[in-house]
C-alpha atoms as a PDB file:
ATOM      1  CA  MET A   1       7.559  -5.387  80.961  1.00  0.00           C
ATOM      2  CA  GLU A   2       5.627  -2.145  81.358  1.00  0.00           C
ATOM      3  CA  ILE A   3       8.846  -0.291  82.110  1.00  0.00           C
ATOM      4  CA  LEU A   4      10.420  -1.710  78.941  1.00  0.00           C
ATOM      5  CA  ILE A   5       7.437  -0.654  76.829  1.00  0.00           C
ATOM      6  CA  ALA A   6       7.512   2.846  78.344  1.00  0.00           C
ATOM      7  CA  GLY A   7      11.241   3.165  77.651  1.00  0.00           C
ATOM      8  CA  VAL A   8      10.876   2.055  74.035  1.00  0.00           C
ATOM      9  CA  SER A   9       7.925   4.435  73.560  1.00  0.00           C
ATOM     10  CA  LEU A  10       9.908   7.392  74.947  1.00  0.00           C
ATOM     11  CA  GLY A  11      12.872   6.496  72.778  1.00  0.00           C
ATOM     12  CA  ALA A  12      10.687   6.323  69.689  1.00  0.00           C
ATOM     13  CA  LEU A  13       9.114   9.685  70.502  1.00  0.00           C
ATOM     14  CA  GLY A  14      12.549  11.239  71.023  1.00  0.00           C
ATOM     15  CA  LEU A  15      13.795   9.877  67.710  1.00  0.00           C
ATOM     16  CA  THR A  16      10.679  11.088  65.909  1.00  0.00           C
ATOM     17  CA  PHE A  17      10.917  14.609  67.338  1.00  0.00           C
ATOM     18  CA  GLY A  18      14.642  14.709  66.597  1.00  0.00           C
ATOM     19  CA  LEU A  19      14.053  13.822  62.960  1.00  0.00           C
ATOM     20  CA  LEU A  20      11.285  16.422  62.725  1.00  0.00           C
ATOM     21  CA  LEU A  21      13.485  19.139  64.250  1.00  0.00           C
ATOM     22  CA  GLY A  22      16.295  18.289  61.867  1.00  0.00           C
ATOM     23  CA  TYR A  23      13.916  18.409  58.907  1.00  0.00           C
ATOM     24  CA  PHE A  24      12.392  21.760  59.845  1.00  0.00           C
ATOM     25  CA  ASN A  25      15.838  23.161  60.634  1.00  0.00           C
ATOM     26  CA  ARG A  26      16.882  22.407  57.069  1.00  0.00           C
ATOM     27  CA  ILE A  27      13.659  23.852  55.649  1.00  0.00           C
ATOM     28  CA  PHE A  28      13.631  27.093  57.638  1.00  0.00           C
ATOM     29  CA  ALA A  29      17.382  27.634  58.198  1.00  0.00           C
ATOM     30  CA  ALA A  30      18.649  31.051  57.144  1.00  0.00           C
ATOM     31  CA  PRO A  31      20.861  30.662  54.079  1.00  0.00           C
ATOM     32  CA  VAL A  32      24.577  31.208  54.692  1.00  0.00           C
ATOM     33  CA  SER A  33      26.533  32.679  51.822  1.00  0.00           C
ATOM     34  CA  GLU A  34      29.551  30.915  50.389  1.00  0.00           C
ATOM     35  CA  GLN A  35      31.637  33.945  51.319  1.00  0.00           C
ATOM     36  CA  VAL A  36      30.733  33.614  55.006  1.00  0.00           C
ATOM     37  CA  LEU A  37      31.573  29.904  54.916  1.00  0.00           C
ATOM     38  CA  ALA A  38      34.910  30.644  53.241  1.00  0.00           C
ATOM     39  CA  VAL A  39      35.808  33.293  55.823  1.00  0.00           C
ATOM     40  CA  ARG A  40      34.772  30.960  58.627  1.00  0.00           C
ATOM     41  CA  GLU A  41      36.985  28.235  57.170  1.00  0.00           C
ATOM     42  CA  ALA A  42      39.961  30.638  57.126  1.00  0.00           C
ATOM     43  CA  LEU A  43      39.598  31.441  60.829  1.00  0.00           C
ATOM     44  CA  PRO A  44      41.524  29.441  63.465  1.00  0.00           C
ATOM     45  CA  GLY A  45      38.328  28.424  65.277  1.00  0.00           C
ATOM     46  CA  ALA A  46      39.387  29.566  68.742  1.00  0.00           C
ATOM     47  CA  ASN A  47      35.988  31.198  69.465  1.00  0.00           C
ATOM     48  CA  CYS A  48      37.802  33.354  72.027  1.00  0.00           C
ATOM     49  CA  GLY A  49      35.798  36.537  71.484  1.00  0.00           C
ATOM     50  CA  GLY A  50      38.947  38.615  71.015  1.00  0.00           C
ATOM     51  CA  CYS A  51      37.481  40.040  67.800  1.00  0.00           C
ATOM     52  CA  GLY A  52      34.633  41.567  69.779  1.00  0.00           C
ATOM     53  CA  PHE A  53      32.025  39.100  68.502  1.00  0.00           C
ATOM     54  CA  THR A  54      30.509  36.048  70.156  1.00  0.00           C
ATOM     55  CA  GLY A  55      32.563  33.609  68.123  1.00  0.00           C
ATOM     56  CA  CYS A  56      34.121  32.793  64.764  1.00  0.00           C
ATOM     57  CA  ASP A  57      30.737  32.332  63.047  1.00  0.00           C
ATOM     58  CA  ALA A  58      29.524  35.756  64.125  1.00  0.00           C
ATOM     59  CA  PHE A  59      32.840  37.358  63.148  1.00  0.00           C
ATOM     60  CA  ALA A  60      32.771  35.750  59.683  1.00  0.00           C
ATOM     61  CA  ALA A  61      29.248  37.055  59.082  1.00  0.00           C
ATOM     62  CA  ALA A  62      30.280  40.522  60.298  1.00  0.00           C
ATOM     63  CA  VAL A  63      33.255  40.602  57.915  1.00  0.00           C
ATOM     64  CA  VAL A  64      31.068  39.776  54.926  1.00  0.00           C
ATOM     65  CA  GLU A  65      28.515  42.385  56.017  1.00  0.00           C
ATOM     66  CA  GLY A  66      31.293  44.982  56.244  1.00  0.00           C
ATOM     67  CA  VAL A  67      30.835  45.452  59.992  1.00  0.00           C
ATOM     68  CA  ALA A  68      34.176  43.914  61.011  1.00  0.00           C
ATOM     69  CA  SER A  69      37.671  44.431  59.630  1.00  0.00           C
ATOM     70  CA  VAL A  70      39.368  41.614  57.735  1.00  0.00           C
ATOM     71  CA  SER A  71      42.261  41.955  60.198  1.00  0.00           C
ATOM     72  CA  GLY A  72      39.982  41.751  63.241  1.00  0.00           C
ATOM     73  CA  CYS A  73      41.020  38.243  64.359  1.00  0.00           C
ATOM     74  CA  PRO A  74      43.765  38.650  66.992  1.00  0.00           C
ATOM     75  CA  VAL A  75      44.567  34.925  67.040  1.00  0.00           C
ATOM     76  CA  GLY A  76      45.159  34.546  63.315  1.00  0.00           C
ATOM     77  CA  GLY A  77      47.206  37.718  62.928  1.00  0.00           C
ATOM     78  CA  THR A  78      48.542  38.832  59.572  1.00  0.00           C
ATOM     79  CA  ALA A  79      48.385  35.418  57.869  1.00  0.00           C
ATOM     80  CA  VAL A  80      44.644  34.956  58.534  1.00  0.00           C
ATOM     81  CA  ALA A  81      43.941  38.604  57.710  1.00  0.00           C
ATOM     82  CA  GLN A  82      45.558  38.183  54.308  1.00  0.00           C
ATOM     83  CA  ARG A  83      43.582  35.006  53.577  1.00  0.00           C
ATOM     84  CA  ILE A  84      40.300  36.700  54.492  1.00  0.00           C
ATOM     85  CA  ALA A  85      41.239  39.760  52.435  1.00  0.00           C
ATOM     86  CA  GLY A  86      41.762  37.470  49.448  1.00  0.00           C
ATOM     87  CA  ILE A  87      38.305  35.949  49.935  1.00  0.00           C
ATOM     88  CA  MET A  88      36.768  39.407  50.167  1.00  0.00           C
ATOM     89  CA  GLY A  89      38.716  40.736  47.171  1.00  0.00           C
ATOM     90  CA  MET A  90      40.543  43.265  49.294  1.00  0.00           C
ATOM     91  CA  SER A  91      44.161  44.020  50.126  1.00  0.00           C
ATOM     92  CA  VAL A  92      45.480  44.173  53.651  1.00  0.00           C
ATOM     93  CA  GLU A  93      48.719  45.447  55.085  1.00  0.00           C
ATOM     94  CA  THR A  94      50.557  43.608  57.825  1.00  0.00           C
ATOM     95  CA  VAL A  95      48.929  43.974  61.235  1.00  0.00           C
ATOM     96  CA  ASP A  96      50.393  46.964  63.030  1.00  0.00           C
ATOM     97  CA  GLU A  97      52.179  45.576  66.100  1.00  0.00           C
ATOM     98  CA  MET A  98      51.915  48.980  67.752  1.00  0.00           C
ATOM     99  CA  GLN A  99      48.137  48.665  67.642  1.00  0.00           C
ATOM    100  CA  ARG A 100      47.670  44.950  68.401  1.00  0.00           C
ATOM    101  CA  LYS A 101      46.585  44.793  72.016  1.00  0.00           C
ATOM    102  CA  VAL A 102      47.584  42.139  74.519  1.00  0.00           C
ATOM    103  CA  ALA A 103      46.958  41.595  78.218  1.00  0.00           C
ATOM    104  CA  THR A 104      49.332  43.649  80.354  1.00  0.00           C
ATOM    105  CA  VAL A 105      49.921  43.303  84.094  1.00  0.00           C
ATOM    106  CA  VAL A 106      49.542  46.714  85.743  1.00  0.00           C
ATOM    107  CA  CYS A 107      50.822  45.608  89.131  1.00  0.00           C
ATOM    108  CA  ARG A 108      54.237  44.730  90.557  1.00  0.00           C
ATOM    109  CA  GLY A 109      52.834  43.901  93.968  1.00  0.00           C
ATOM    110  CA  GLY A 110      54.315  40.467  94.490  1.00  0.00           C
ATOM    111  CA  THR A 111      55.066  39.325  98.015  1.00  0.00           C
ATOM    112  CA  ASN A 112      58.610  40.687  97.608  1.00  0.00           C
ATOM    113  CA  TYR A 113      57.140  44.223  97.473  1.00  0.00           C
ATOM    114  CA  CYS A 114      53.636  43.979  98.933  1.00  0.00           C
ATOM    115  CA  ARG A 115      53.084  42.715 102.485  1.00  0.00           C
ATOM    116  CA  PRO A 116      50.612  39.839 102.951  1.00  0.00           C
ATOM    117  CA  LYS A 117      47.796  40.472 105.427  1.00  0.00           C
ATOM    118  CA  TYR A 118      47.159  36.885 106.459  1.00  0.00           C
ATOM    119  CA  ASN A 119      47.702  33.277 105.396  1.00  0.00           C
ATOM    120  CA  TYR A 120      44.930  32.227 103.052  1.00  0.00           C
ATOM    121  CA  HIS A 121      43.793  28.585 103.098  1.00  0.00           C
ATOM    122  CA  GLY A 122      40.539  28.886 101.163  1.00  0.00           C
ATOM    123  CA  VAL A 123      39.541  28.063  97.585  1.00  0.00           C
ATOM    124  CA  ASN A 124      42.433  28.557  95.168  1.00  0.00           C
ATOM    125  CA  ASP A 125      40.615  31.276  93.271  1.00  0.00           C
ATOM    126  CA  CYS A 126      41.195  35.031  93.126  1.00  0.00           C
ATOM    127  CA  VAL A 127      37.479  35.872  93.147  1.00  0.00           C
ATOM    128  CA  ALA A 128      36.953  33.777  96.295  1.00  0.00           C
ATOM    129  CA  ALA A 129      40.060  35.234  97.989  1.00  0.00           C
ATOM    130  CA  ALA A 130      39.010  38.798  97.149  1.00  0.00           C
ATOM    131  CA  ALA A 131      35.760  38.208  99.043  1.00  0.00           C
ATOM    132  CA  VAL A 132      37.725  37.567 102.253  1.00  0.00           C
ATOM    133  CA  SER A 133      38.801  40.899 103.756  1.00  0.00           C
ATOM    134  CA  ASP A 134      39.352  42.311 100.259  1.00  0.00           C
ATOM    135  CA  GLY A 135      42.164  39.899  99.461  1.00  0.00           C
ATOM    136  CA  THR A 136      45.351  38.560 100.969  1.00  0.00           C
ATOM    137  CA  LYS A 137      47.704  41.487 100.305  1.00  0.00           C
ATOM    138  CA  SER A 138      48.041  44.753 102.190  1.00  0.00           C
ATOM    139  CA  CYS A 139      47.457  46.805  99.044  1.00  0.00           C
ATOM    140  CA  HIS A 140      43.863  46.138  98.071  1.00  0.00           C
ATOM    141  CA  PHE A 141      44.727  46.881  94.411  1.00  0.00           C
ATOM    142  CA  ALA A 142      47.378  44.140  94.269  1.00  0.00           C
ATOM    143  CA  CYS A 143      47.378  40.948  92.218  1.00  0.00           C
ATOM    144  CA  LEU A 144      46.371  37.996  94.404  1.00  0.00           C
ATOM    145  CA  GLY A 145      48.339  35.531  92.300  1.00  0.00           C
ATOM    146  CA  LEU A 146      46.013  32.542  92.587  1.00  0.00           C
ATOM    147  CA  GLY A 147      45.688  32.062  88.842  1.00  0.00           C
ATOM    148  CA  THR A 148      42.018  32.551  88.040  1.00  0.00           C
ATOM    149  CA  CYS A 149      43.116  34.448  84.940  1.00  0.00           C
ATOM    150  CA  ALA A 150      45.326  31.540  83.863  1.00  0.00           C
ATOM    151  CA  THR A 151      42.416  29.092  84.058  1.00  0.00           C
ATOM    152  CA  VAL A 152      40.402  31.052  81.485  1.00  0.00           C
ATOM    153  CA  CYS A 153      43.292  31.608  79.067  1.00  0.00           C
ATOM    154  CA  ALA A 154      42.893  29.213  76.157  1.00  0.00           C
ATOM    155  CA  PHE A 155      46.288  30.055  74.692  1.00  0.00           C
ATOM    156  CA  GLY A 156      48.671  29.280  77.550  1.00  0.00           C
ATOM    157  CA  ALA A 157      49.742  32.908  77.697  1.00  0.00           C
ATOM    158  CA  ILE A 158      49.458  33.318  81.483  1.00  0.00           C
ATOM    159  CA  ARG A 159      51.501  31.785  84.252  1.00  0.00           C
ATOM    160  CA  ILE A 160      51.713  32.490  87.965  1.00  0.00           C
ATOM    161  CA  ASP A 161      54.952  33.195  89.769  1.00  0.00           C
ATOM    162  CA  GLU A 162      54.121  31.103  92.832  1.00  0.00           C
ATOM    163  CA  ARG A 163      57.111  32.389  94.756  1.00  0.00           C
ATOM    164  CA  TYR A 164      55.894  36.001  94.686  1.00  0.00           C
ATOM    165  CA  GLN A 165      52.199  35.354  93.928  1.00  0.00           C
ATOM    166  CA  LEU A 166      52.106  37.501  90.849  1.00  0.00           C
ATOM    167  CA  VAL A 167      50.691  36.915  87.375  1.00  0.00           C
ATOM    168  CA  GLU A 168      52.943  36.972  84.302  1.00  0.00           C
ATOM    169  CA  VAL A 169      51.788  37.259  80.686  1.00  0.00           C
ATOM    170  CA  ASP A 170      53.615  35.893  77.655  1.00  0.00           C
ATOM    171  CA  ARG A 171      52.839  38.834  75.401  1.00  0.00           C
ATOM    172  CA  GLU A 172      53.799  36.976  72.230  1.00  0.00           C
ATOM    173  CA  LYS A 173      51.282  34.181  72.927  1.00  0.00           C
ATOM    174  CA  CYS A 174      48.485  36.476  74.089  1.00  0.00           C
ATOM    175  CA  THR A 175      45.754  37.084  71.503  1.00  0.00           C
ATOM    176  CA  GLY A 176      44.070  39.973  73.275  1.00  0.00           C
ATOM    177  CA  CYS A 177      40.766  38.149  73.742  1.00  0.00           C
ATOM    178  CA  GLY A 178      40.266  39.917  77.078  1.00  0.00           C
ATOM    179  CA  LYS A 179      38.868  36.967  79.065  1.00  0.00           C
ATOM    180  CA  CYS A 180      41.535  37.337  81.743  1.00  0.00           C
ATOM    181  CA  VAL A 181      40.864  41.064  81.970  1.00  0.00           C
ATOM    182  CA  GLY A 182      37.172  40.474  82.579  1.00  0.00           C
ATOM    183  CA  ILE A 183      37.585  37.838  85.283  1.00  0.00           C
ATOM    184  CA  CYS A 184      40.252  39.520  87.443  1.00  0.00           C
ATOM    185  CA  PRO A 185      38.615  40.849  90.627  1.00  0.00           C
ATOM    186  CA  LYS A 186      41.512  43.259  91.233  1.00  0.00           C
ATOM    187  CA  HIS A 187      41.649  44.631  87.677  1.00  0.00           C
ATOM    188  CA  VAL A 188      45.408  44.130  87.434  1.00  0.00           C
ATOM    189  CA  LEU A 189      45.157  43.108  83.784  1.00  0.00           C
ATOM    190  CA  ASP A 190      44.598  45.602  81.018  1.00  0.00           C
ATOM    191  CA  LEU A 191      44.649  45.393  77.213  1.00  0.00           C
ATOM    192  CA  GLN A 192      47.481  47.548  75.888  1.00  0.00           C
ATOM    193  CA  PRO A 193      49.386  47.766  72.586  1.00  0.00           C
ATOM    194  CA  LEU A 194      51.992  45.048  72.160  1.00  0.00           C
ATOM    195  CA  ARG A 195      54.749  47.479  71.236  1.00  0.00           C
ATOM    196  CA  GLN A 196      54.827  50.542  73.444  1.00  0.00           C
ATOM    197  CA  PRO A 197      57.877  52.445  74.729  1.00  0.00           C
ATOM    198  CA  VAL A 198      56.583  53.141  78.246  1.00  0.00           C
ATOM    199  CA  ARG A 199      53.879  51.742  80.542  1.00  0.00           C
ATOM    200  CA  LEU A 200      52.567  52.482  83.999  1.00  0.00           C
ATOM    201  CA  LEU A 201      52.803  49.307  86.088  1.00  0.00           C
ATOM    202  CA  CYS A 202      50.596  50.333  88.992  1.00  0.00           C
ATOM    203  CA  HIS A 203      46.897  51.093  89.286  1.00  0.00           C
ATOM    204  CA  ALA A 204      46.685  51.762  93.028  1.00  0.00           C
ATOM    205  CA  ASN A 205      44.727  54.997  93.048  1.00  0.00           C
ATOM    206  CA  GLU A 206      45.975  56.169  96.432  1.00  0.00           C
ATOM    207  CA  ARG A 207      48.911  58.303  97.466  1.00  0.00           C
ATOM    208  CA  GLY A 208      51.722  58.918  99.906  1.00  0.00           C
ATOM    209  CA  ARG A 209      52.090  56.774 103.015  1.00  0.00           C
ATOM    210  CA  VAL A 210      48.987  54.748 102.187  1.00  0.00           C
ATOM    211  CA  ILE A 211      50.917  53.326  99.239  1.00  0.00           C
ATOM    212  CA  THR A 212      54.451  53.192 100.630  1.00  0.00           C
ATOM    213  CA  ASP A 213      53.358  51.439 103.832  1.00  0.00           C
ATOM    214  CA  ASN A 214      51.721  48.678 101.810  1.00  0.00           C
ATOM    215  CA  CYS A 215      53.839  48.246  98.673  1.00  0.00           C
ATOM    216  CA  LYS A 216      57.429  49.235  97.918  1.00  0.00           C
ATOM    217  CA  ALA A 217      56.760  49.190  94.173  1.00  0.00           C
ATOM    218  CA  GLY A 218      53.589  51.296  94.179  1.00  0.00           C
ATOM    219  CA  CYS A 219      53.211  54.727  92.601  1.00  0.00           C
ATOM    220  CA  PHE A 220      52.816  57.219  95.445  1.00  0.00           C
ATOM    221  CA  SER A 221      51.969  60.274  93.310  1.00  0.00           C
ATOM    222  CA  CYS A 222      55.300  62.094  93.626  1.00  0.00           C
ATOM    223  CA  GLY A 223      54.852  63.653  90.177  1.00  0.00           C
ATOM    224  CA  LYS A 224      58.504  63.259  89.136  1.00  0.00           C
ATOM    225  CA  CYS A 225      57.468  61.579  85.886  1.00  0.00           C
ATOM    226  CA  VAL A 226      55.374  64.623  84.966  1.00  0.00           C
ATOM    227  CA  GLU A 227      58.311  66.942  85.644  1.00  0.00           C
ATOM    228  CA  ALA A 228      60.708  64.732  83.666  1.00  0.00           C
ATOM    229  CA  CYS A 229      58.555  64.689  80.514  1.00  0.00           C
ATOM    230  CA  LYS A 230      59.573  67.556  78.231  1.00  0.00           C
ATOM    231  CA  PHE A 231      56.719  66.971  75.814  1.00  0.00           C
ATOM    232  CA  GLY A 232      53.621  67.262  78.002  1.00  0.00           C
ATOM    233  CA  ALA A 233      52.763  63.606  77.510  1.00  0.00           C
ATOM    234  CA  ILE A 234      52.063  62.852  81.187  1.00  0.00           C
ATOM    235  CA  GLU A 235      49.533  64.331  83.564  1.00  0.00           C
ATOM    236  CA  MET A 236      48.310  63.344  86.998  1.00  0.00           C
ATOM    237  CA  VAL A 237      44.712  62.167  87.003  1.00  0.00           C
ATOM    238  CA  GLY A 238      43.588  61.481  90.529  1.00  0.00           C
ATOM    239  CA  ASN A 239      46.583  59.898  92.187  1.00  0.00           C
ATOM    240  CA  LEU A 240      48.094  58.256  89.116  1.00  0.00           C
ATOM    241  CA  PRO A 241      50.015  59.505  86.080  1.00  0.00           C
ATOM    242  CA  VAL A 242      48.346  59.076  82.717  1.00  0.00           C
ATOM    243  CA  ILE A 243      50.636  58.713  79.701  1.00  0.00           C
ATOM    244  CA  HIS A 244      49.233  60.204  76.491  1.00  0.00           C
ATOM    245  CA  MET A 245      50.941  58.045  73.879  1.00  0.00           C
ATOM    246  CA  GLU A 246      50.026  60.369  71.011  1.00  0.00           C
ATOM    247  CA  ARG A 247      52.376  62.953  72.566  1.00  0.00           C
ATOM    248  CA  CYS A 248      55.037  60.536  73.797  1.00  0.00           C
ATOM    249  CA  LYS A 249      58.402  60.817  72.003  1.00  0.00           C
ATOM    250  CA  ALA A 250      59.829  57.632  73.565  1.00  0.00           C
ATOM    251  CA  CYS A 251      62.514  59.535  75.469  1.00  0.00           C
ATOM    252  CA  MET A 252      61.752  57.288  78.472  1.00  0.00           C
ATOM    253  CA  MET A 253      62.713  60.009  80.928  1.00  0.00           C
ATOM    254  CA  CYS A 254      59.580  59.300  82.969  1.00  0.00           C
ATOM    255  CA  ALA A 255      60.864  55.797  83.708  1.00  0.00           C
ATOM    256  CA  GLU A 256      64.291  57.162  84.590  1.00  0.00           C
ATOM    257  CA  ALA A 257      62.759  59.623  87.026  1.00  0.00           C
ATOM    258  CA  CYS A 258      60.390  57.210  88.803  1.00  0.00           C
ATOM    259  CA  PRO A 259      61.885  56.424  92.238  1.00  0.00           C
ATOM    260  CA  VAL A 260      60.044  53.085  92.581  1.00  0.00           C
ATOM    261  CA  ASP A 261      60.193  51.824  88.965  1.00  0.00           C
ATOM    262  CA  ALA A 262      56.416  52.033  88.666  1.00  0.00           C
ATOM    263  CA  ILE A 263      56.900  53.062  85.038  1.00  0.00           C
ATOM    264  CA  TRP A 264      58.392  50.469  82.691  1.00  0.00           C
ATOM    265  CA  ALA A 265      60.358  51.537  79.630  1.00  0.00           C
ATOM    266  CA  ASP A 266      61.651  49.547  76.686  1.00  0.00           C
ATOM    267  CA  PHE A 267      65.254  50.533  77.376  1.00  0.00           C
ATOM    268  CA  ALA A 268      66.543  47.651  75.231  1.00  0.00           C
ATOM    269  CA  ASN A 269      65.180  49.458  72.157  1.00  0.00           C
ATOM    270  CA  ARG A 270      65.854  53.028  73.240  1.00  0.00           C
ATOM    271  CA  LEU A 271      67.213  55.217  70.461  1.00  0.00           C
ATOM    272  CA  GLU A 272      70.037  57.704  70.242  1.00  0.00           C
ATOM    273  CA  ALA A 273      70.785  60.338  67.645  1.00  0.00           C
ATOM    274  CA  VAL A 274      73.924  60.253  65.495  1.00  0.00           C
ATOM    275  CA  ILE A 275      75.301  63.184  63.487  1.00  0.00           C
ATOM    276  CA  ASP A 276      77.105  62.527  60.216  1.00  0.00           C
ATOM    277  CA  PRO A 277      80.119  64.887  60.359  1.00  0.00           C
ATOM    278  CA  ALA A 278      80.414  64.852  56.567  1.00  0.00           C
ATOM    279  CA  LYS A 279      76.979  66.475  56.262  1.00  0.00           C
ATOM    280  CA  CYS A 280      76.903  68.698  59.354  1.00  0.00           C
ATOM    281  CA  ILE A 281      77.340  72.423  58.619  1.00  0.00           C
ATOM    282  CA  GLY A 282      77.184  73.539  62.267  1.00  0.00           C
ATOM    283  CA  CYS A 283      73.970  75.530  61.929  1.00  0.00           C
ATOM    284  CA  GLY A 284      72.965  74.745  65.509  1.00  0.00           C
ATOM    285  CA  LEU A 285      69.290  74.027  64.804  1.00  0.00           C
ATOM    286  CA  CYS A 286      69.636  70.546  66.301  1.00  0.00           C
ATOM    287  CA  LYS A 287      71.296  71.944  69.410  1.00  0.00           C
ATOM    288  CA  ARG A 288      68.423  74.383  69.943  1.00  0.00           C
ATOM    289  CA  ALA A 289      65.842  71.634  69.424  1.00  0.00           C
ATOM    290  CA  CYS A 290      67.437  69.275  71.968  1.00  0.00           C
ATOM    291  CA  GLN A 291      65.567  69.286  75.300  1.00  0.00           C
ATOM    292  CA  PHE A 292      68.338  67.379  77.067  1.00  0.00           C
ATOM    293  CA  ASP A 293      71.457  69.451  76.252  1.00  0.00           C
ATOM    294  CA  ALA A 294      72.821  66.371  74.522  1.00  0.00           C
ATOM    295  CA  ILE A 295      74.335  68.119  71.479  1.00  0.00           C
ATOM    296  CA  VAL A 296      77.579  70.088  71.697  1.00  0.00           C
ATOM    297  CA  GLY A 297      79.422  72.204  69.163  1.00  0.00           C
ATOM    298  CA  GLU A 298      79.900  75.834  68.317  1.00  0.00           C
ATOM    299  CA  ARG A 299      78.252  77.535  65.384  1.00  0.00           C
ATOM    300  CA  ARG A 300      79.755  76.562  62.017  1.00  0.00           C
ATOM    301  CA  GLN A 301      81.601  73.691  63.648  1.00  0.00           C
ATOM    302  CA  LYS A 302      80.778  70.014  63.496  1.00  0.00           C
ATOM    303  CA  HIS A 303      78.264  69.084  66.167  1.00  0.00           C
ATOM    304  CA  VAL A 304      78.364  65.916  68.277  1.00  0.00           C
ATOM    305  CA  VAL A 305      75.654  63.991  70.147  1.00  0.00           C
ATOM    306  CA  THR A 306      76.722  63.031  73.676  1.00  0.00           C
ATOM    307  CA  ASN A 307      75.608  60.212  75.947  1.00  0.00           C
ATOM    308  CA  ALA A 308      72.982  62.543  77.423  1.00  0.00           C
ATOM    309  CA  CYS A 309      70.771  61.887  74.377  1.00  0.00           C
ATOM    310  CA  ALA A 310      67.378  60.484  75.389  1.00  0.00           C
ATOM    311  CA  GLY A 311      66.403  59.289  71.912  1.00  0.00           C
ATOM    312  CA  CYS A 312      63.414  61.586  71.396  1.00  0.00           C
ATOM    313  CA  SER A 313      64.447  62.154  67.728  1.00  0.00           C
ATOM    314  CA  GLN A 314      63.336  65.794  67.748  1.00  0.00           C
ATOM    315  CA  CYS A 315      66.654  66.919  66.327  1.00  0.00           C
ATOM    316  CA  VAL A 316      66.296  64.669  63.262  1.00  0.00           C
ATOM    317  CA  GLY A 317      63.536  66.703  61.677  1.00  0.00           C
ATOM    318  CA  LYS A 318      65.247  70.015  62.414  1.00  0.00           C
ATOM    319  CA  CYS A 319      68.421  69.307  60.455  1.00  0.00           C
ATOM    320  CA  PRO A 320      68.261  71.007  57.022  1.00  0.00           C
ATOM    321  CA  LYS A 321      71.015  68.747  55.667  1.00  0.00           C
ATOM    322  CA  GLN A 322      69.525  65.471  56.898  1.00  0.00           C
ATOM    323  CA  ALA A 323      72.753  64.853  58.753  1.00  0.00           C
ATOM    324  CA  ILE A 324      71.078  63.266  61.794  1.00  0.00           C
ATOM    325  CA  SER A 325      69.755  59.728  62.066  1.00  0.00           C
ATOM    326  CA  THR A 326      68.831  57.457  64.958  1.00  0.00           C
ATOM    327  CA  ARG A 327      69.972  54.010  66.006  1.00  0.00           C
ATOM    328  CA  THR A 328      69.419  51.676  68.931  1.00  0.00           C
ATOM    329  CA  ARG A 329      71.515  52.850  71.860  1.00  0.00           C
ATOM    330  CA  GLN A 330      74.923  51.293  72.255  1.00  0.00           C
ATOM    331  CA  HIS A 331      75.472  52.557  75.800  1.00  0.00           C
ATOM    332  CA  LEU A 332      73.549  53.811  78.810  1.00  0.00           C
ATOM    333  CA  ARG A 333      72.361  57.392  78.883  1.00  0.00           C
ATOM    334  CA  ASP A 334      74.496  59.691  81.025  1.00  0.00           C
ATOM    335  CA  GLU A 335      72.950  63.057  81.782  1.00  0.00           C
ATOM    336  CA  TYR A 336      76.345  64.467  82.815  1.00  0.00           C
ATOM    337  CA  SER A 337      78.166  63.380  79.666  1.00  0.00           C
ATOM    338  CA  GLN A 338      78.417  66.941  78.324  1.00  0.00           C
ATOM    339  CA  MET A 339      81.357  67.391  80.702  1.00  0.00           C
ATOM    340  CA  ASP A 340      83.205  64.561  78.937  1.00  0.00           C
ATOM    341  CA  ALA A 341      82.108  65.395  75.409  1.00  0.00           C
ATOM    342  CA  PRO A 342      84.787  65.046  72.748  1.00  0.00           C
ATOM    343  CA  ALA A 343      86.528  68.174  71.572  1.00  0.00           C
ATOM    344  CA  VAL A 344      84.918  69.777  68.523  1.00  0.00           C
ATOM    345  CA  TYR A 345      87.189  71.475  65.989  1.00  0.00           C
END
């Protein structure tokens, strides 16, 4: 009986304090503007933190205060940005896909390229495995492939290739929230622009035999990418090349030159120049501008672009008659194609 009385008393006290807290919360709560509520309602409610704020509530308040951009929600994309812009009385352009960042795997060290050090039978977690002799793979920069990043992804954008123990990211699903980047003990995930012509796919900051003995796909600091770039867009920093995208002309020669394919290029969307013979006056300015000897033709004759074109588009701006345009390549680049160039009359 005493226990029953004590339980009822505690329950009554809890109910009383709960009602009091609710009452005072209403009395002293900070007022939330209708604009903030409207912005919050327009958001998808993922609370992923990809906007840089602690959640959707904080982001909505920041938008109204002018601290955050109306297009700052990576999950909602253009549609949500336009709705928020309407609430705020602003206009917004479509989200620039070149600038939208998504998680990118900067490692190709699957078991097909990177030797395992030992058979791991511990907790199926990358953080736990990294604590055992610095991980299971011979390259201590390599992806461990146990899927810790996948467990924190709320959007189903990450899967693990169990055959090669390597993470894969569905870049279209990724919202760029960065949770996977933060949890990876090997730092093989990085936020990079969704649309980018070239990327370095290795972050092993070592060189020479140290790399090649451990991983067949690792960058071993040969410097061929630096030599291949005609526009000064690549430099070696430490033991790794750094690509300065503001200088990159999307010629993709760095990827062609890399002996281990440590640089990825979007070859499927590589460009090539085309000269309109009806407009060409044979001035030769395009030929002089070409860094790849891909344009043939004598002065005052119609010029032709050969298969050596790398798609840098530098010739386009040099033509005074606007006779040159670009298109997606219809064939592979052939650096020796000048020998087989069509006759120019």
